[in-house]
Protein backbone atom coordinates (compact mmCIF):
# COMPACT_ATOMS: atom_id res chain seq x y z
CA MET A 1 0.00 0.00 0.00
CA ALA A 2 1.38 3.39 -0.98
CA ARG A 3 2.04 5.93 1.73
CA LEU A 4 -0.30 8.91 1.83
CA THR A 5 2.52 11.31 0.95
CA ASP A 6 3.23 9.29 -2.21
CA VAL A 7 -0.46 9.33 -3.15
CA ILE A 8 -0.71 13.10 -2.67
CA GLU A 9 2.49 13.64 -4.67
CA ARG A 10 1.24 11.44 -7.53
CA PHE A 11 -2.12 13.25 -7.54
CA ILE A 12 -0.46 16.66 -7.90
CA LYS A 13 2.02 15.40 -10.51
CA GLU A 14 -0.85 13.98 -12.58
CA MET A 15 -2.45 17.42 -12.52
CA LEU A 16 0.86 18.93 -13.63
CA ASP A 17 1.08 16.43 -16.50
CA GLU A 18 -1.97 18.16 -18.00
CA GLN A 19 -0.77 21.72 -17.37
CA THR A 20 2.49 23.31 -16.23
CA GLU A 21 0.85 25.24 -13.37
CA VAL A 22 -1.84 24.37 -10.83
CA GLU A 23 -3.50 26.26 -8.01
CA LEU A 24 -4.71 24.28 -5.04
CA LYS A 25 -6.34 25.08 -1.74
CA ARG A 26 -4.49 23.42 1.13
CA ASN A 27 -7.61 22.78 3.26
CA GLU A 28 -9.61 21.40 0.33
CA LEU A 29 -6.76 19.05 -0.53
CA ALA A 30 -6.50 17.96 3.12
CA THR A 31 -10.25 17.28 3.21
CA PHE A 32 -10.07 15.35 -0.07
CA PHE A 33 -7.31 13.10 1.30
CA ASP A 34 -8.75 13.04 4.82
CA CYS A 35 -5.53 14.28 6.39
CA ALA A 36 -4.20 17.27 8.29
CA PRO A 37 -3.14 20.36 6.29
CA SER A 38 0.36 19.83 7.72
CA GLN A 39 0.55 16.60 5.69
CA ILE A 40 -0.06 18.64 2.54
CA ASN A 41 2.63 21.10 3.67
CA TYR A 42 5.06 18.24 4.12
CA VAL A 43 4.48 16.95 0.59
CA LEU A 44 4.89 20.44 -0.86
CA THR A 45 8.08 21.26 1.03
CA SER A 46 9.73 17.90 0.48
CA ARG A 47 8.60 16.86 -3.01
CA PHE A 48 7.84 20.08 -4.91
CA THR A 49 11.08 21.98 -4.42
CA PHE A 50 13.13 24.06 -6.81
CA GLU A 51 15.78 21.33 -6.79
CA ASN A 52 13.14 18.91 -8.04
CA GLY A 53 12.09 21.29 -10.81
CA TYR A 54 9.13 23.06 -9.22
CA LEU A 55 8.36 26.55 -8.04
CA THR A 56 5.87 26.61 -5.17
CA GLN A 57 4.16 29.82 -4.12
CA SER A 58 1.73 30.18 -1.26
CA LYS A 59 -0.84 32.84 -0.46
CA ARG A 60 -2.36 32.64 2.98
CA GLY A 61 -5.68 33.99 4.15
CA GLY A 62 -9.33 33.52 3.21
CA GLY A 63 -8.71 33.28 -0.53
CA GLY A 64 -5.36 31.58 0.00
CA TYR A 65 -3.96 29.05 -2.40
CA ILE A 66 -0.86 27.11 -3.30
CA ARG A 67 0.48 27.57 -6.80
CA ILE A 68 2.83 24.93 -8.13
CA VAL A 69 4.68 25.56 -11.38
CA ARG A 70 6.69 22.87 -13.13
CA LEU A 71 9.80 24.52 -14.48
CA GLN A 72 10.30 23.80 -18.15
CA ASP A 73 13.40 22.20 -19.64
CA ASP A 74 14.46 25.51 -21.16
CA LYS A 75 14.94 26.63 -17.57
CA ASN A 76 17.80 24.15 -17.07
CA TYR A 77 20.44 26.85 -17.42
CA GLU A 78 18.80 28.97 -14.71
CA PHE A 79 18.37 25.87 -12.57
CA LEU A 80 22.05 24.95 -12.85
CA LEU A 81 23.09 28.53 -12.14
CA TYR A 82 20.84 28.58 -9.08
CA LEU A 83 22.38 25.34 -7.84
CA ALA A 84 25.92 26.59 -8.36
CA GLU A 85 25.41 30.01 -6.82
CA GLU A 86 22.83 29.38 -4.09
CA LYS A 87 22.49 25.75 -3.10
CA LEU A 88 26.18 24.88 -3.33
CA ALA A 89 27.43 27.92 -1.42
CA GLU A 90 27.80 25.80 1.73
CA PRO A 91 29.15 22.30 2.44
CA VAL A 92 26.76 19.56 1.30
CA SER A 93 25.60 16.43 3.15
CA GLU A 94 25.46 13.05 1.42
CA LYS A 95 21.66 13.06 1.55
CA TYR A 96 21.38 16.50 -0.04
CA ALA A 97 24.00 15.69 -2.68
CA LEU A 98 22.03 12.62 -3.74
CA LYS A 99 18.85 14.73 -3.99
CA ILE A 100 20.69 17.13 -6.30
CA VAL A 101 21.90 14.25 -8.48
CA GLU A 102 18.34 12.89 -8.67
CA SER A 103 17.06 16.31 -9.74
CA LEU A 104 19.67 16.34 -12.53
CA VAL A 105 18.29 12.99 -13.76
CA GLN A 106 14.68 14.22 -13.57
CA ARG A 107 15.60 17.20 -15.74
CA GLY A 108 17.45 15.03 -18.26
CA LEU A 109 20.79 16.68 -17.54
CA VAL A 110 22.50 13.39 -16.65
CA SER A 111 21.60 9.82 -17.54
CA GLU A 112 20.63 7.11 -15.06
CA HIS A 113 24.06 5.55 -15.59
CA GLU A 114 25.85 8.84 -14.91
CA SER A 115 23.63 9.37 -11.88
CA ALA A 116 24.61 5.99 -10.45
CA LEU A 117 28.30 6.82 -10.87
CA LEU A 118 27.93 10.31 -9.37
CA SER A 119 25.93 8.96 -6.44
CA LEU A 120 28.59 6.36 -5.74
CA LEU A 121 31.35 8.99 -5.79
CA LEU A 122 29.46 11.35 -3.46
CA GLN A 123 28.77 8.79 -0.72
CA ASP A 124 30.47 9.13 2.67
CA ASP A 125 32.12 5.72 2.54
CA THR A 126 33.56 6.38 -0.93
CA LEU A 127 35.08 9.67 0.18
CA GLY A 128 36.62 7.82 3.13
CA ILE A 129 37.34 10.95 5.13
CA PRO A 130 36.70 10.70 8.88
CA SER A 131 35.77 14.35 9.31
CA GLU A 132 32.15 15.09 8.36
CA GLU A 133 33.03 18.75 7.85
CA VAL A 134 35.79 17.93 5.37
CA ARG A 135 33.63 15.32 3.57
CA ASP A 136 30.79 17.83 3.13
CA LEU A 137 33.19 20.49 1.87
CA LEU A 138 34.77 18.07 -0.62
CA ARG A 139 31.30 16.96 -1.79
CA GLN A 140 30.32 20.61 -2.29
CA ARG A 141 33.42 21.27 -4.40
CA MET A 142 32.83 18.13 -6.47
CA LEU A 143 29.20 19.03 -7.14
CA LYS A 144 30.14 22.61 -8.03
CA LYS A 145 32.63 21.31 -10.61
CA ILE A 146 30.00 18.97 -12.06
CA ILE A 147 27.39 21.75 -12.24
CA THR A 148 29.93 24.14 -13.79
CA GLN A 149 30.72 21.54 -16.44
CA LEU A 150 27.02 21.06 -17.17
CA LEU A 151 26.66 24.85 -17.49
CA ASN A 152 29.48 24.89 -20.03
CA ILE A 153 27.82 22.12 -22.05
CA LYS A 154 24.36 23.74 -21.95
C-alpha cells in the first residue's frame, strides 16, 4: 500500500502532467485526502522543491492558495546557475548531494548511468574521510565542478 505522501504527490504530478501550473487550496486538498493540512505542507516542502524542478508559491488567508509551477526544460540553465550560486554555497551532506543528483536525472541533464556513478562517488564511505566537515566540503566542491561543467555544455 502506498504511503499517503506518495499518493498526494502522484495526484499533484498527474495534474501537472496536464498543465504546467496548478493552483490548489491546502484545506480542500487535506479534506479530499482526509488528512491534516500539515501533511499537505510536508508533501509540498519535500517533493515540490526548486531542486526537483518546481516553483511553489503560497498565499495565505481567506482566498489563499498554493500555486505549483513545473519549471520547463528551457529553464535548465537557470536551474544549474541557481544550484551553483545558491544551493552549493555551503558544504553539502550526502543526503542533499544525492537529492541534487536525482534532480539532474529528472531534468534530463544526466543519464541514469551517470547518476549511479555520481551517487557512488558522493557517498560518505567512498570519500573515506573521517571528518564530516571535510567530507561535506569536498562533496560541495565536487558538485560545483559537475554543475559548472554542465553549465558549459548547456
